[in-house]
Amino acid sequence: MNGWLSYKILAPAAFIVLLGVFLGCSHAPTYPPGTTAPGGGTYASNGQRIYFTATSSSGQPIIPQGFIMMMTNIACANCHGPEGHGGTVYMMMERFDVPNITWPVLTAPGQDHPPYTEDTLKQAITEGIDPGGDELNQFMPRWQMSAGDLNDLVNYVMTLK
């Protein structure tokens, strides 16, 4: 095969493979029983809505910073799962372990940093800093949202068991 012909065949094939990796490897959004996707869903609280959709019932924007997600929206549940148990996620040709963010796990002693409190969880969500002052994984978005929405989200995370 000459160079031009192989490029003409291989370039589109490589694009299709990469597109499949981007679209197929990240977690698809998941919603708790009795709810549907954003726009038509019913949620028990604003915090639950934010966790599953990254949208607020107040209409205030919730914006991920320091992270680029191509061709899809991302919310907490995409990586941490519907119950907050975390796991392994494949995204943007990377594999990374997502921590369990259930409240009993976050507040347990004996981790590589002090246990989380409500305030340090807010710092992790908005600044990407753990209770020990260390930066969280690069794939953890730094979320911008109103103080009320942040309180609602933290209150919801505190219910995860």
Protein backbone atom coordinates (compact mmCIF):
# COMPACT_ATOMS: atom_id res chain seq x y z
CA MET A 1 0.00 0.00 0.00
CA ASN A 2 1.38 3.42 -0.81
CA GLY A 3 1.55 6.11 1.91
CA TRP A 4 -1.43 8.10 0.67
CA LEU A 5 -3.72 5.08 0.43
CA SER A 6 -2.79 3.73 3.86
CA TYR A 7 -3.42 7.17 5.39
CA LYS A 8 -6.78 7.41 3.66
CA ILE A 9 -7.82 4.04 5.13
CA LEU A 10 -6.14 4.15 8.54
CA ALA A 11 -7.02 7.71 9.57
CA PRO A 12 -10.82 7.19 9.47
CA ALA A 13 -10.45 3.80 11.16
CA ALA A 14 -8.37 5.33 13.96
CA PHE A 15 -10.97 8.09 14.41
CA ILE A 16 -13.78 5.53 14.73
CA VAL A 17 -11.82 3.52 17.31
CA LEU A 18 -11.02 6.63 19.36
CA LEU A 19 -14.62 7.81 19.19
CA GLY A 20 -15.74 4.42 20.48
CA VAL A 21 -13.27 4.68 23.35
CA PHE A 22 -14.51 8.15 24.30
CA LEU A 23 -18.17 7.24 24.11
CA GLY A 24 -18.12 3.66 25.26
CA CYS A 25 -15.68 3.56 28.14
CA SER A 26 -17.02 6.19 30.47
CA HIS A 27 -19.91 5.31 32.73
CA ALA A 28 -23.28 6.12 31.29
CA PRO A 29 -25.44 8.29 33.54
CA THR A 30 -27.42 6.27 36.03
CA TYR A 31 -30.51 7.38 37.93
CA PRO A 32 -32.18 5.93 40.98
CA PRO A 33 -35.39 3.94 40.65
CA GLY A 34 -38.42 6.09 40.01
CA THR A 35 -36.47 8.86 38.27
CA THR A 36 -35.69 9.63 34.69
CA ALA A 37 -33.07 11.63 32.85
CA PRO A 38 -32.71 15.39 33.34
CA GLY A 39 -35.66 17.50 32.33
CA GLY A 40 -38.33 14.96 33.16
CA GLY A 41 -37.06 13.40 36.37
CA THR A 42 -38.37 13.58 39.86
CA TYR A 43 -35.87 13.59 42.68
CA ALA A 44 -36.32 13.33 46.42
CA SER A 45 -34.13 16.42 46.96
CA ASN A 46 -32.18 19.07 45.12
CA GLY A 47 -28.98 17.38 46.36
CA GLN A 48 -30.02 14.10 44.74
CA ARG A 49 -30.81 15.91 41.49
CA ILE A 50 -27.37 17.56 41.51
CA TYR A 51 -25.64 14.23 42.27
CA PHE A 52 -27.32 12.50 39.32
CA THR A 53 -27.58 15.30 36.76
CA ALA A 54 -25.23 18.17 37.72
CA THR A 55 -28.24 20.44 37.42
CA SER A 56 -30.00 22.34 40.15
CA SER A 57 -33.72 22.67 40.71
CA SER A 58 -33.02 26.35 41.42
CA GLY A 59 -31.87 26.90 37.85
CA GLN A 60 -28.45 28.06 39.09
CA PRO A 61 -25.58 26.74 36.97
CA ILE A 62 -23.34 23.94 38.24
CA ILE A 63 -20.12 24.04 36.29
CA PRO A 64 -17.21 21.56 36.33
CA GLN A 65 -13.83 23.31 36.24
CA GLY A 66 -10.41 21.89 35.52
CA PHE A 67 -11.84 18.95 33.63
CA ILE A 68 -12.96 18.50 30.05
CA MET A 69 -15.55 15.90 29.18
CA MET A 70 -16.12 15.54 25.47
CA MET A 71 -19.59 15.11 23.99
CA THR A 72 -21.42 14.39 27.24
CA ASN A 73 -22.36 15.93 30.54
CA ILE A 74 -20.85 14.56 33.69
CA ALA A 75 -22.29 14.31 37.18
CA CYS A 76 -21.15 12.75 40.45
CA ALA A 77 -22.99 9.49 39.71
CA ASN A 78 -21.13 9.01 36.43
CA CYS A 79 -17.96 8.10 38.31
CA HIS A 80 -18.96 7.47 41.93
CA GLY A 81 -21.99 5.37 40.93
CA PRO A 82 -25.63 5.68 41.93
CA GLU A 83 -24.92 4.63 45.53
CA GLY A 84 -21.55 6.39 45.89
CA HIS A 85 -19.48 3.20 46.05
CA GLY A 86 -17.00 4.24 43.34
CA GLY A 87 -14.99 1.70 41.39
CA THR A 88 -12.84 1.64 38.28
CA VAL A 89 -13.70 4.10 35.53
CA TYR A 90 -12.33 4.27 31.99
CA MET A 91 -12.45 7.74 30.55
CA MET A 92 -10.52 9.55 27.84
CA MET A 93 -8.25 6.54 27.32
CA GLU A 94 -7.35 6.51 31.03
CA ARG A 95 -8.20 4.04 33.76
CA PHE A 96 -8.58 5.31 37.28
CA ASP A 97 -10.03 4.21 40.58
CA VAL A 98 -12.84 6.35 41.93
CA PRO A 99 -13.21 6.37 45.71
CA ASN A 100 -16.22 5.29 47.69
CA ILE A 101 -17.91 8.51 48.87
CA THR A 102 -20.52 7.04 51.18
CA TRP A 103 -20.61 9.03 54.40
CA PRO A 104 -19.47 6.15 56.69
CA VAL A 105 -16.39 5.64 54.47
CA LEU A 106 -15.60 9.36 54.14
CA THR A 107 -15.76 9.90 57.90
CA ALA A 108 -13.94 6.72 58.94
CA PRO A 109 -10.57 7.07 60.69
CA GLY A 110 -7.46 5.29 59.44
CA GLN A 111 -7.28 6.69 55.93
CA ASP A 112 -4.26 8.40 54.39
CA HIS A 113 -5.79 11.73 55.46
CA PRO A 114 -8.03 12.90 58.31
CA PRO A 115 -11.71 11.91 58.10
CA TYR A 116 -13.96 14.17 56.06
CA THR A 117 -16.26 16.69 57.67
CA GLU A 118 -19.02 18.68 55.98
CA ASP A 119 -16.57 21.56 55.43
CA THR A 120 -13.74 19.42 54.05
CA LEU A 121 -16.18 17.63 51.73
CA LYS A 122 -17.23 21.04 50.39
CA GLN A 123 -13.55 21.84 49.86
CA ALA A 124 -13.05 18.56 47.97
CA ILE A 125 -16.03 19.26 45.72
CA THR A 126 -15.16 22.88 44.93
CA GLU A 127 -11.35 22.97 45.18
CA GLY A 128 -10.25 19.36 44.70
CA ILE A 129 -8.43 19.21 48.05
CA ASP A 130 -8.74 16.32 50.55
CA PRO A 131 -8.87 16.83 54.36
CA GLY A 132 -5.07 16.41 54.57
CA GLY A 133 -4.52 19.27 52.11
CA ASP A 134 -3.53 17.04 49.18
CA GLU A 135 -4.90 17.54 45.67
CA LEU A 136 -7.47 15.03 44.46
CA ASN A 137 -7.11 13.08 41.21
CA GLN A 138 -6.96 15.19 38.05
CA PHE A 139 -10.20 13.61 36.84
CA MET A 140 -12.13 14.98 39.83
CA PRO A 141 -13.86 18.13 38.55
CA ARG A 142 -13.78 21.23 40.70
CA TRP A 143 -17.43 22.22 40.78
CA GLN A 144 -18.74 25.77 40.89
CA MET A 145 -22.21 26.14 42.38
CA SER A 146 -24.16 28.31 44.77
CA ALA A 147 -23.70 27.85 48.52
CA GLY A 148 -27.27 26.53 48.76
CA ASP A 149 -26.70 23.94 46.04
CA LEU A 150 -23.41 22.89 47.64
CA ASN A 151 -25.15 22.43 50.99
CA ASP A 152 -27.89 20.38 49.31
CA LEU A 153 -25.32 18.18 47.55
CA VAL A 154 -23.33 17.57 50.75
CA ASN A 155 -26.53 16.77 52.64
CA TYR A 156 -27.37 14.20 49.95
CA VAL A 157 -23.88 12.65 50.05
CA MET A 158 -24.31 12.31 53.82
CA THR A 159 -27.26 9.97 53.15
CA LEU A 160 -25.21 7.59 50.98
CA LYS A 161 -24.53 4.34 52.83
